[in-house]
Amino acid sequence: MADAKAAAKKQDAKKSGNKPANKKKPNVFQRLWKYLIACKGELKKITWPTPRQTTKNFLIVLVVIIIMGLFIFALDRGLFALLGLVMGMSQT
């Protein structure tokens, strides 16, 4: 029933030529201010890591980087040696 009333109002508005009042958008500074306020609220919700957690994570990343670097170095040297054997080059 409510849908029928809403449809009837829309048809009446179209027939009479009355346009609904346009809502004015807030200007750019008001929108920017609302955005910054929302950002501040979101920053308060963040759970920041403790210094101990940060140190632990840093050490884990450092160890993984070192291991991957050594792996890539060994792979490079091994493939270079294999290429030397295949091409018959002598190492200097």
PDB file of N, CA and C in Angstrom:
ATOM      1  N   MET A   1       0.824  -1.177   0.000  1.00  0.00           N
ATOM      2  CA  MET A   1       0.000   0.000   0.000  1.00  0.00           C
ATOM      3  C   MET A   1       0.880   1.257   0.000  1.00  0.00           C
ATOM      4  N   ALA A   2       1.952   1.220   0.790  1.00  0.00           N
ATOM      5  CA  ALA A   2       2.850   2.375   0.839  1.00  0.00           C
ATOM      6  C   ALA A   2       3.541   2.574  -0.505  1.00  0.00           C
ATOM      7  N   ASP A   3       3.863   1.452  -1.182  1.00  0.00           N
ATOM      8  CA  ASP A   3       4.491   1.550  -2.491  1.00  0.00           C
ATOM      9  C   ASP A   3       3.561   2.212  -3.503  1.00  0.00           C
ATOM     10  N   ALA A   4       2.289   1.909  -3.418  1.00  0.00           N
ATOM     11  CA  ALA A   4       1.317   2.494  -4.339  1.00  0.00           C
ATOM     12  C   ALA A   4       1.215   4.000  -4.114  1.00  0.00           C
ATOM     13  N   LYS A   5       1.242   4.407  -2.835  1.00  0.00           N
ATOM     14  CA  LYS A   5       1.171   5.842  -2.533  1.00  0.00           C
ATOM     15  C   LYS A   5       2.411   6.571  -3.039  1.00  0.00           C
ATOM     16  N   ALA A   6       3.572   5.951  -2.860  1.00  0.00           N
ATOM     17  CA  ALA A   6       4.812   6.566  -3.314  1.00  0.00           C
ATOM     18  C   ALA A   6       4.822   6.688  -4.835  1.00  0.00           C
ATOM     19  N   ALA A   7       4.354   5.658  -5.515  1.00  0.00           N
ATOM     20  CA  ALA A   7       4.302   5.696  -6.975  1.00  0.00           C
ATOM     21  C   ALA A   7       3.326   6.770  -7.452  1.00  0.00           C
ATOM     22  N   ALA A   8       2.215   6.899  -6.752  1.00  0.00           N
ATOM     23  CA  ALA A   8       1.225   7.914  -7.122  1.00  0.00           C
ATOM     24  C   ALA A   8       1.799   9.316  -6.939  1.00  0.00           C
ATOM     25  N   LYS A   9       2.558   9.528  -5.865  1.00  0.00           N
ATOM     26  CA  LYS A   9       3.163  10.840  -5.636  1.00  0.00           C
ATOM     27  C   LYS A   9       4.173  11.179  -6.732  1.00  0.00           C
ATOM     28  N   LYS A  10       4.947  10.173  -7.167  1.00  0.00           N
ATOM     29  CA  LYS A  10       5.926  10.395  -8.224  1.00  0.00           C
ATOM     30  C   LYS A  10       5.237  10.774  -9.525  1.00  0.00           C
ATOM     31  N   GLN A  11       4.143  10.081  -9.830  1.00  0.00           N
ATOM     32  CA  GLN A  11       3.414  10.385 -11.053  1.00  0.00           C
ATOM     33  C   GLN A  11       2.797  11.779 -10.988  1.00  0.00           C
ATOM     34  N   ASP A  12       2.259  12.156  -9.825  1.00  0.00           N
ATOM     35  CA  ASP A  12       1.697  13.498  -9.667  1.00  0.00           C
ATOM     36  C   ASP A  12       2.766  14.568  -9.840  1.00  0.00           C
ATOM     37  N   ALA A  13       3.950  14.298  -9.307  1.00  0.00           N
ATOM     38  CA  ALA A  13       5.044  15.262  -9.419  1.00  0.00           C
ATOM     39  C   ALA A  13       5.468  15.418 -10.872  1.00  0.00           C
ATOM     40  N   LYS A  14       5.479  14.304 -11.624  1.00  0.00           N
ATOM     41  CA  LYS A  14       5.853  14.365 -13.031  1.00  0.00           C
ATOM     42  C   LYS A  14       4.811  15.153 -13.820  1.00  0.00           C
ATOM     43  N   LYS A  15       3.541  14.925 -13.509  1.00  0.00           N
ATOM     44  CA  LYS A  15       2.464  15.598 -14.236  1.00  0.00           C
ATOM     45  C   LYS A  15       2.454  17.096 -13.965  1.00  0.00           C
ATOM     46  N   SER A  16       2.654  17.455 -12.712  1.00  0.00           N
ATOM     47  CA  SER A  16       2.580  18.877 -12.366  1.00  0.00           C
ATOM     48  C   SER A  16       3.850  19.632 -12.729  1.00  0.00           C
ATOM     49  N   GLY A  17       4.926  18.905 -13.004  1.00  0.00           N
ATOM     50  CA  GLY A  17       6.165  19.553 -13.399  1.00  0.00           C
ATOM     51  C   GLY A  17       6.966  20.061 -12.219  1.00  0.00           C
ATOM     52  N   ASN A  18       6.507  19.793 -11.020  1.00  0.00           N
ATOM     53  CA  ASN A  18       7.254  20.224  -9.830  1.00  0.00           C
ATOM     54  C   ASN A  18       8.439  19.292  -9.628  1.00  0.00           C
ATOM     55  N   LYS A  19       9.580  19.897  -9.481  1.00  0.00           N
ATOM     56  CA  LYS A  19      10.775  19.100  -9.215  1.00  0.00           C
ATOM     57  C   LYS A  19      11.059  19.182  -7.724  1.00  0.00           C
ATOM     58  N   PRO A  20      11.505  18.068  -7.138  1.00  0.00           N
ATOM     59  CA  PRO A  20      11.867  18.144  -5.726  1.00  0.00           C
ATOM     60  C   PRO A  20      13.047  19.077  -5.544  1.00  0.00           C
ATOM     61  N   ALA A  21      13.106  19.723  -4.407  1.00  0.00           N
ATOM     62  CA  ALA A  21      14.183  20.675  -4.125  1.00  0.00           C
ATOM     63  C   ALA A  21      15.515  19.932  -4.110  1.00  0.00           C
ATOM     64  N   ASN A  22      16.471  20.464  -4.853  1.00  0.00           N
ATOM     65  CA  ASN A  22      17.801  19.860  -4.879  1.00  0.00           C
ATOM     66  C   ASN A  22      18.496  20.142  -3.559  1.00  0.00           C
ATOM     67  N   LYS A  23      19.060  19.082  -3.000  1.00  0.00           N
ATOM     68  CA  LYS A  23      19.840  19.279  -1.783  1.00  0.00           C
ATOM     69  C   LYS A  23      21.203  19.800  -2.192  1.00  0.00           C
ATOM     70  N   LYS A  24      21.625  20.832  -1.525  1.00  0.00           N
ATOM     71  CA  LYS A  24      22.895  21.453  -1.861  1.00  0.00           C
ATOM     72  C   LYS A  24      24.027  20.638  -1.233  1.00  0.00           C
ATOM     73  N   LYS A  25      25.034  20.318  -2.048  1.00  0.00           N
ATOM     74  CA  LYS A  25      26.197  19.589  -1.553  1.00  0.00           C
ATOM     75  C   LYS A  25      27.006  20.498  -0.646  1.00  0.00           C
ATOM     76  N   PRO A  26      27.599  19.917   0.408  1.00  0.00           N
ATOM     77  CA  PRO A  26      28.509  20.739   1.210  1.00  0.00           C
ATOM     78  C   PRO A  26      29.736  21.096   0.362  1.00  0.00           C
ATOM     79  N   ASN A  27      30.315  22.257   0.640  1.00  0.00           N
ATOM     80  CA  ASN A  27      31.464  22.665  -0.171  1.00  0.00           C
ATOM     81  C   ASN A  27      32.679  21.793   0.130  1.00  0.00           C
ATOM     82  N   VAL A  28      33.727  21.990  -0.633  1.00  0.00           N
ATOM     83  CA  VAL A  28      34.888  21.116  -0.562  1.00  0.00           C
ATOM     84  C   VAL A  28      35.561  21.172   0.816  1.00  0.00           C
ATOM     85  N   PHE A  29      35.559  22.321   1.453  1.00  0.00           N
ATOM     86  CA  PHE A  29      36.217  22.438   2.756  1.00  0.00           C
ATOM     87  C   PHE A  29      35.428  21.699   3.839  1.00  0.00           C
ATOM     88  N   GLN A  30      34.112  21.737   3.754  1.00  0.00           N
ATOM     89  CA  GLN A  30      33.292  21.003   4.720  1.00  0.00           C
ATOM     90  C   GLN A  30      33.488  19.505   4.540  1.00  0.00           C
ATOM     91  N   ARG A  31      33.541  19.047   3.290  1.00  0.00           N
ATOM     92  CA  ARG A  31      33.758  17.621   3.040  1.00  0.00           C
ATOM     93  C   ARG A  31      35.145  17.204   3.497  1.00  0.00           C
ATOM     94  N   LEU A  32      36.151  18.035   3.262  1.00  0.00           N
ATOM     95  CA  LEU A  32      37.512  17.733   3.701  1.00  0.00           C
ATOM     96  C   LEU A  32      37.577  17.662   5.222  1.00  0.00           C
ATOM     97  N   TRP A  33      36.918  18.593   5.886  1.00  0.00           N
ATOM     98  CA  TRP A  33      36.914  18.604   7.347  1.00  0.00           C
ATOM     99  C   TRP A  33      36.262  17.333   7.894  1.00  0.00           C
ATOM    100  N   LYS A  34      35.134  16.921   7.314  1.00  0.00           N
ATOM    101  CA  LYS A  34      34.470  15.681   7.750  1.00  0.00           C
ATOM    102  C   LYS A  34      35.375  14.476   7.531  1.00  0.00           C
ATOM    103  N   TYR A  35      36.093  14.469   6.401  1.00  0.00           N
ATOM    104  CA  TYR A  35      37.011  13.376   6.105  1.00  0.00           C
ATOM    105  C   TYR A  35      38.139  13.306   7.139  1.00  0.00           C
ATOM    106  N   LEU A  36      38.707  14.450   7.474  1.00  0.00           N
ATOM    107  CA  LEU A  36      39.802  14.477   8.450  1.00  0.00           C
ATOM    108  C   LEU A  36      39.324  14.053   9.832  1.00  0.00           C
ATOM    109  N   ILE A  37      38.123  14.445  10.208  1.00  0.00           N
ATOM    110  CA  ILE A  37      37.563  14.022  11.495  1.00  0.00           C
ATOM    111  C   ILE A  37      37.376  12.508  11.508  1.00  0.00           C
ATOM    112  N   ALA A  38      36.882  11.958  10.387  1.00  0.00           N
ATOM    113  CA  ALA A  38      36.703  10.509  10.291  1.00  0.00           C
ATOM    114  C   ALA A  38      38.046   9.786  10.361  1.00  0.00           C
ATOM    115  N   CYS A  39      39.080  10.360   9.730  1.00  0.00           N
ATOM    116  CA  CYS A  39      40.424   9.756   9.787  1.00  0.00           C
ATOM    117  C   CYS A  39      40.940   9.739  11.219  1.00  0.00           C
ATOM    118  N   LYS A  40      40.725  10.822  11.938  1.00  0.00           N
ATOM    119  CA  LYS A  40      41.172  10.892  13.333  1.00  0.00           C
ATOM    120  C   LYS A  40      40.485   9.812  14.156  1.00  0.00           C
ATOM    121  N   GLY A  41      39.202   9.601  13.925  1.00  0.00           N
ATOM    122  CA  GLY A  41      38.468   8.556  14.645  1.00  0.00           C
ATOM    123  C   GLY A  41      38.990   7.169  14.319  1.00  0.00           C
ATOM    124  N   GLU A  42      39.339   6.942  13.054  1.00  0.00           N
ATOM    125  CA  GLU A  42      39.866   5.632  12.668  1.00  0.00           C
ATOM    126  C   GLU A  42      41.251   5.398  13.257  1.00  0.00           C
ATOM    127  N   LEU A  43      42.064   6.446  13.354  1.00  0.00           N
ATOM    128  CA  LEU A  43      43.400   6.295  13.935  1.00  0.00           C
ATOM    129  C   LEU A  43      43.333   5.905  15.407  1.00  0.00           C
ATOM    130  N   LYS A  44      42.283   6.348  16.099  1.00  0.00           N
ATOM    131  CA  LYS A  44      42.135   5.986  17.511  1.00  0.00           C
ATOM    132  C   LYS A  44      41.807   4.512  17.683  1.00  0.00           C
ATOM    133  N   LYS A  45      41.257   3.879  16.649  1.00  0.00           N
ATOM    134  CA  LYS A  45      40.873   2.469  16.731  1.00  0.00           C
ATOM    135  C   LYS A  45      42.041   1.518  16.490  1.00  0.00           C
ATOM    136  N   ILE A  46      43.165   2.041  15.991  1.00  0.00           N
ATOM    137  CA  ILE A  46      44.303   1.193  15.646  1.00  0.00           C
ATOM    138  C   ILE A  46      44.964   0.663  16.912  1.00  0.00           C
ATOM    139  N   THR A  47      45.316  -0.621  16.887  1.00  0.00           N
ATOM    140  CA  THR A  47      46.093  -1.216  17.966  1.00  0.00           C
ATOM    141  C   THR A  47      47.547  -1.216  17.522  1.00  0.00           C
ATOM    142  N   TRP A  48      48.345  -0.333  18.099  1.00  0.00           N
ATOM    143  CA  TRP A  48      49.734  -0.198  17.700  1.00  0.00           C
ATOM    144  C   TRP A  48      50.570  -1.277  18.367  1.00  0.00           C
ATOM    145  N   PRO A  49      51.592  -1.821  17.664  1.00  0.00           N
ATOM    146  CA  PRO A  49      52.437  -2.849  18.267  1.00  0.00           C
ATOM    147  C   PRO A  49      53.348  -2.257  19.339  1.00  0.00           C
ATOM    148  N   THR A  50      53.686  -3.106  20.278  1.00  0.00           N
ATOM    149  CA  THR A  50      54.610  -2.668  21.326  1.00  0.00           C
ATOM    150  C   THR A  50      56.032  -2.645  20.751  1.00  0.00           C
ATOM    151  N   PRO A  51      56.944  -1.954  21.424  1.00  0.00           N
ATOM    152  CA  PRO A  51      58.334  -1.959  20.935  1.00  0.00           C
ATOM    153  C   PRO A  51      58.918  -3.374  20.863  1.00  0.00           C
ATOM    154  N   ARG A  52      58.529  -4.227  21.786  1.00  0.00           N
ATOM    155  CA  ARG A  52      59.037  -5.611  21.776  1.00  0.00           C
ATOM    156  C   ARG A  52      58.541  -6.355  20.530  1.00  0.00           C
ATOM    157  N   GLN A  53      57.259  -6.197  20.193  1.00  0.00           N
ATOM    158  CA  GLN A  53      56.708  -6.838  19.004  1.00  0.00           C
ATOM    159  C   GLN A  53      57.377  -6.291  17.741  1.00  0.00           C
ATOM    160  N   THR A  54      57.626  -4.992  17.725  1.00  0.00           N
ATOM    161  CA  THR A  54      58.264  -4.377  16.566  1.00  0.00           C
ATOM    162  C   THR A  54      59.678  -4.917  16.384  1.00  0.00           C
ATOM    163  N   THR A  55      60.421  -5.047  17.468  1.00  0.00           N
ATOM    164  CA  THR A  55      61.783  -5.585  17.405  1.00  0.00           C
ATOM    165  C   THR A  55      61.763  -7.031  16.928  1.00  0.00           C
ATOM    166  N   LYS A  56      60.834  -7.819  17.449  1.00  0.00           N
ATOM    167  CA  LYS A  56      60.724  -9.227  17.056  1.00  0.00           C
ATOM    168  C   LYS A  56      60.417  -9.341  15.564  1.00  0.00           C
ATOM    169  N   ASN A  57      59.465  -8.559  15.086  1.00  0.00           N
ATOM    170  CA  ASN A  57      59.108  -8.601  13.667  1.00  0.00           C
ATOM    171  C   ASN A  57      60.268  -8.136  12.793  1.00  0.00           C
ATOM    172  N   PHE A  58      60.993  -7.116  13.249  1.00  0.00           N
ATOM    173  CA  PHE A  58      62.150  -6.622  12.496  1.00  0.00           C
ATOM    174  C   PHE A  58      63.203  -7.713  12.370  1.00  0.00           C
ATOM    175  N   LEU A  59      63.474  -8.421  13.451  1.00  0.00           N
ATOM    176  CA  LEU A  59      64.479  -9.488  13.419  1.00  0.00           C
ATOM    177  C   LEU A  59      64.046 -10.634  12.510  1.00  0.00           C
ATOM    178  N   ILE A  60      62.759 -10.966  12.517  1.00  0.00           N
ATOM    179  CA  ILE A  60      62.257 -12.030  11.637  1.00  0.00           C
ATOM    180  C   ILE A  60      62.456 -11.628  10.179  1.00  0.00           C
ATOM    181  N   VAL A  61      62.114 -10.401   9.847  1.00  0.00           N
ATOM    182  CA  VAL A  61      62.278  -9.923   8.471  1.00  0.00           C
ATOM    183  C   VAL A  61      63.750  -9.925   8.089  1.00  0.00           C
ATOM    184  N   LEU A  62      64.619  -9.487   8.985  1.00  0.00           N
ATOM    185  CA  LEU A  62      66.051  -9.449   8.709  1.00  0.00           C
ATOM    186  C   LEU A  62      66.604 -10.852   8.444  1.00  0.00           C
ATOM    187  N   VAL A  63      66.200 -11.831   9.242  1.00  0.00           N
ATOM    188  CA  VAL A  63      66.668 -13.213   9.071  1.00  0.00           C
ATOM    189  C   VAL A  63      66.179 -13.771   7.734  1.00  0.00           C
ATOM    190  N   VAL A  64      64.925 -13.516   7.392  1.00  0.00           N
ATOM    191  CA  VAL A  64      64.390 -14.019   6.123  1.00  0.00           C
ATOM    192  C   VAL A  64      65.127 -13.384   4.946  1.00  0.00           C
ATOM    193  N   ILE A  65      65.425 -12.099   5.030  1.00  0.00           N
ATOM    194  CA  ILE A  65      66.156 -11.429   3.953  1.00  0.00           C
ATOM    195  C   ILE A  65      67.555 -12.035   3.800  1.00  0.00           C
ATOM    196  N   ILE A  66      68.219 -12.289   4.897  1.00  0.00           N
ATOM    197  CA  ILE A  66      69.564 -12.872   4.843  1.00  0.00           C
ATOM    198  C   ILE A  66      69.516 -14.274   4.241  1.00  0.00           C
ATOM    199  N   ILE A  67      68.551 -15.089   4.674  1.00  0.00           N
ATOM    200  CA  ILE A  67      68.433 -16.454   4.156  1.00  0.00           C
ATOM    201  C   ILE A  67      68.139 -16.434   2.655  1.00  0.00           C
ATOM    202  N   MET A  68      67.206 -15.575   2.237  1.00  0.00           N
ATOM    203  CA  MET A  68      66.870 -15.500   0.817  1.00  0.00           C
ATOM    204  C   MET A  68      68.055 -14.973   0.002  1.00  0.00           C
ATOM    205  N   GLY A  69      68.788 -14.019   0.553  1.00  0.00           N
ATOM    206  CA  GLY A  69      69.976 -13.508  -0.134  1.00  0.00           C
ATOM    207  C   GLY A  69      71.019 -14.590  -0.324  1.00  0.00           C
ATOM    208  N   LEU A  70      71.252 -15.388   0.721  1.00  0.00           N
ATOM    209  CA  LEU A  70      72.219 -16.486   0.607  1.00  0.00           C
ATOM    210  C   LEU A  70      71.754 -17.535  -0.391  1.00  0.00           C
ATOM    211  N   PHE A  71      70.451 -17.814  -0.403  1.00  0.00           N
ATOM    212  CA  PHE A  71      69.903 -18.788  -1.342  1.00  0.00           C
ATOM    213  C   PHE A  71      70.087 -18.304  -2.777  1.00  0.00           C
ATOM    214  N   ILE A  72      69.771 -17.053  -3.031  1.00  0.00           N
ATOM    215  CA  ILE A  72      69.916 -16.508  -4.389  1.00  0.00           C
ATOM    216  C   ILE A  72      71.393 -16.453  -4.792  1.00  0.00           C
ATOM    217  N   PHE A  73      72.276 -16.093  -3.856  1.00  0.00           N
ATOM    218  CA  PHE A  73      73.711 -16.080  -4.137  1.00  0.00           C
ATOM    219  C   PHE A  73      74.203 -17.475  -4.505  1.00  0.00           C
ATOM    220  N   ALA A  74      73.799 -18.498  -3.712  1.00  0.00           N
ATOM    221  CA  ALA A  74      74.224 -19.870  -3.984  1.00  0.00           C
ATOM    222  C   ALA A  74      73.666 -20.351  -5.324  1.00  0.00           C
ATOM    223  N   LEU A  75      72.430 -20.020  -5.617  1.00  0.00           N
ATOM    224  CA  LEU A  75      71.826 -20.415  -6.885  1.00  0.00           C
ATOM    225  C   LEU A  75      72.570 -19.752  -8.053  1.00  0.00           C
ATOM    226  N   ASP A  76      72.901 -18.493  -7.914  1.00  0.00           N
ATOM    227  CA  ASP A  76      73.627 -17.776  -8.956  1.00  0.00           C
ATOM    228  C   ASP A  76      75.003 -18.388  -9.183  1.00  0.00           C
ATOM    229  N   ARG A  77      75.719 -18.630  -8.106  1.00  0.00           N
ATOM    230  CA  ARG A  77      77.061 -19.211  -8.248  1.00  0.00           C
ATOM    231  C   ARG A  77      76.990 -20.618  -8.842  1.00  0.00           C
ATOM    232  N   GLY A  78      75.991 -21.391  -8.418  1.00  0.00           N
ATOM    233  CA  GLY A  78      75.840 -22.749  -8.952  1.00  0.00           C
ATOM    234  C   GLY A  78      75.506 -22.743 -10.434  1.00  0.00           C
ATOM    235  N   LEU A  79      74.604 -21.899 -10.847  1.00  0.00           N
ATOM    236  CA  LEU A  79      74.250 -21.826 -12.261  1.00  0.00           C
ATOM    237  C   LEU A  79      75.412 -21.284 -13.095  1.00  0.00           C
ATOM    238  N   PHE A  80      76.171 -20.347 -12.526  1.00  0.00           N
ATOM    239  CA  PHE A  80      77.347 -19.827 -13.226  1.00  0.00           C
ATOM    240  C   PHE A  80      78.386 -20.935 -13.427  1.00  0.00           C
ATOM    241  N   ALA A  81      78.581 -21.756 -12.379  1.00  0.00           N
ATOM    242  CA  ALA A  81      79.535 -22.865 -12.486  1.00  0.00           C
ATOM    243  C   ALA A  81      79.042 -23.894 -13.501  1.00  0.00           C
ATOM    244  N   LEU A  82      77.758 -24.172 -13.518  1.00  0.00           N
ATOM    245  CA  LEU A  82      77.184 -25.109 -14.479  1.00  0.00           C
ATOM    246  C   LEU A  82      77.342 -24.576 -15.900  1.00  0.00           C
ATOM    247  N   LEU A  83      77.110 -23.308 -16.092  1.00  0.00           N
ATOM    248  CA  LEU A  83      77.290 -22.696 -17.402  1.00  0.00           C
ATOM    249  C   LEU A  83      78.749 -22.784 -17.829  1.00  0.00           C
ATOM    250  N   GLY A  84      79.652 -22.591 -16.878  1.00  0.00           N
ATOM    251  CA  GLY A  84      81.083 -22.705 -17.183  1.00  0.00           C
ATOM    252  C   GLY A  84      81.445 -24.109 -17.631  1.00  0.00           C
ATOM    253  N   LEU A  85      80.843 -25.117 -17.005  1.00  0.00           N
ATOM    254  CA  LEU A  85      81.113 -26.493 -17.405  1.00  0.00           C
ATOM    255  C   LEU A  85      80.541 -26.776 -18.792  1.00  0.00           C
ATOM    256  N   VAL A  86      79.364 -26.293 -19.046  1.00  0.00           N
ATOM    257  CA  VAL A  86      78.708 -26.550 -20.336  1.00  0.00           C
ATOM    258  C   VAL A  86      79.457 -25.819 -21.451  1.00  0.00           C
ATOM    259  N   MET A  87      79.850 -24.605 -21.237  1.00  0.00           N
ATOM    260  CA  MET A  87      80.505 -23.808 -22.278  1.00  0.00           C
ATOM    261  C   MET A  87      82.004 -24.083 -22.358  1.00  0.00           C
ATOM    262  N   GLY A  88      82.565 -24.812 -21.387  1.00  0.00           N
ATOM    263  CA  GLY A  88      83.972 -25.136 -21.417  1.00  0.00           C
ATOM    264  C   GLY A  88      84.856 -23.943 -21.071  1.00  0.00           C
ATOM    265  N   MET A  89      84.316 -23.013 -20.284  1.00  0.00           N
ATOM    266  CA  MET A  89      85.080 -21.833 -19.902  1.00  0.00           C
ATOM    267  C   MET A  89      85.883 -22.162 -18.649  1.00  0.00           C
ATOM    268  N   SER A  90      87.011 -21.537 -18.515  1.00  0.00           N
ATOM    269  CA  SER A  90      87.794 -21.716 -17.298  1.00  0.00           C
ATOM    270  C   SER A  90      87.516 -20.546 -16.363  1.00  0.00           C
ATOM    271  N   GLN A  91      87.466 -20.853 -15.083  1.00  0.00           N
ATOM    272  CA  GLN A  91      87.215 -19.797 -14.091  1.00  0.00           C
ATOM    273  C   GLN A  91      88.527 -19.100 -13.762  1.00  0.00           C
ATOM    274  N   THR A  92      88.453 -17.819 -13.528  1.00  0.00           N
ATOM    275  CA  THR A  92      89.660 -17.067 -13.210  1.00  0.00           C
ATOM    276  C   THR A  92      89.714 -16.778 -11.741  1.00  0.00           C
TER     277      THR A  92
END
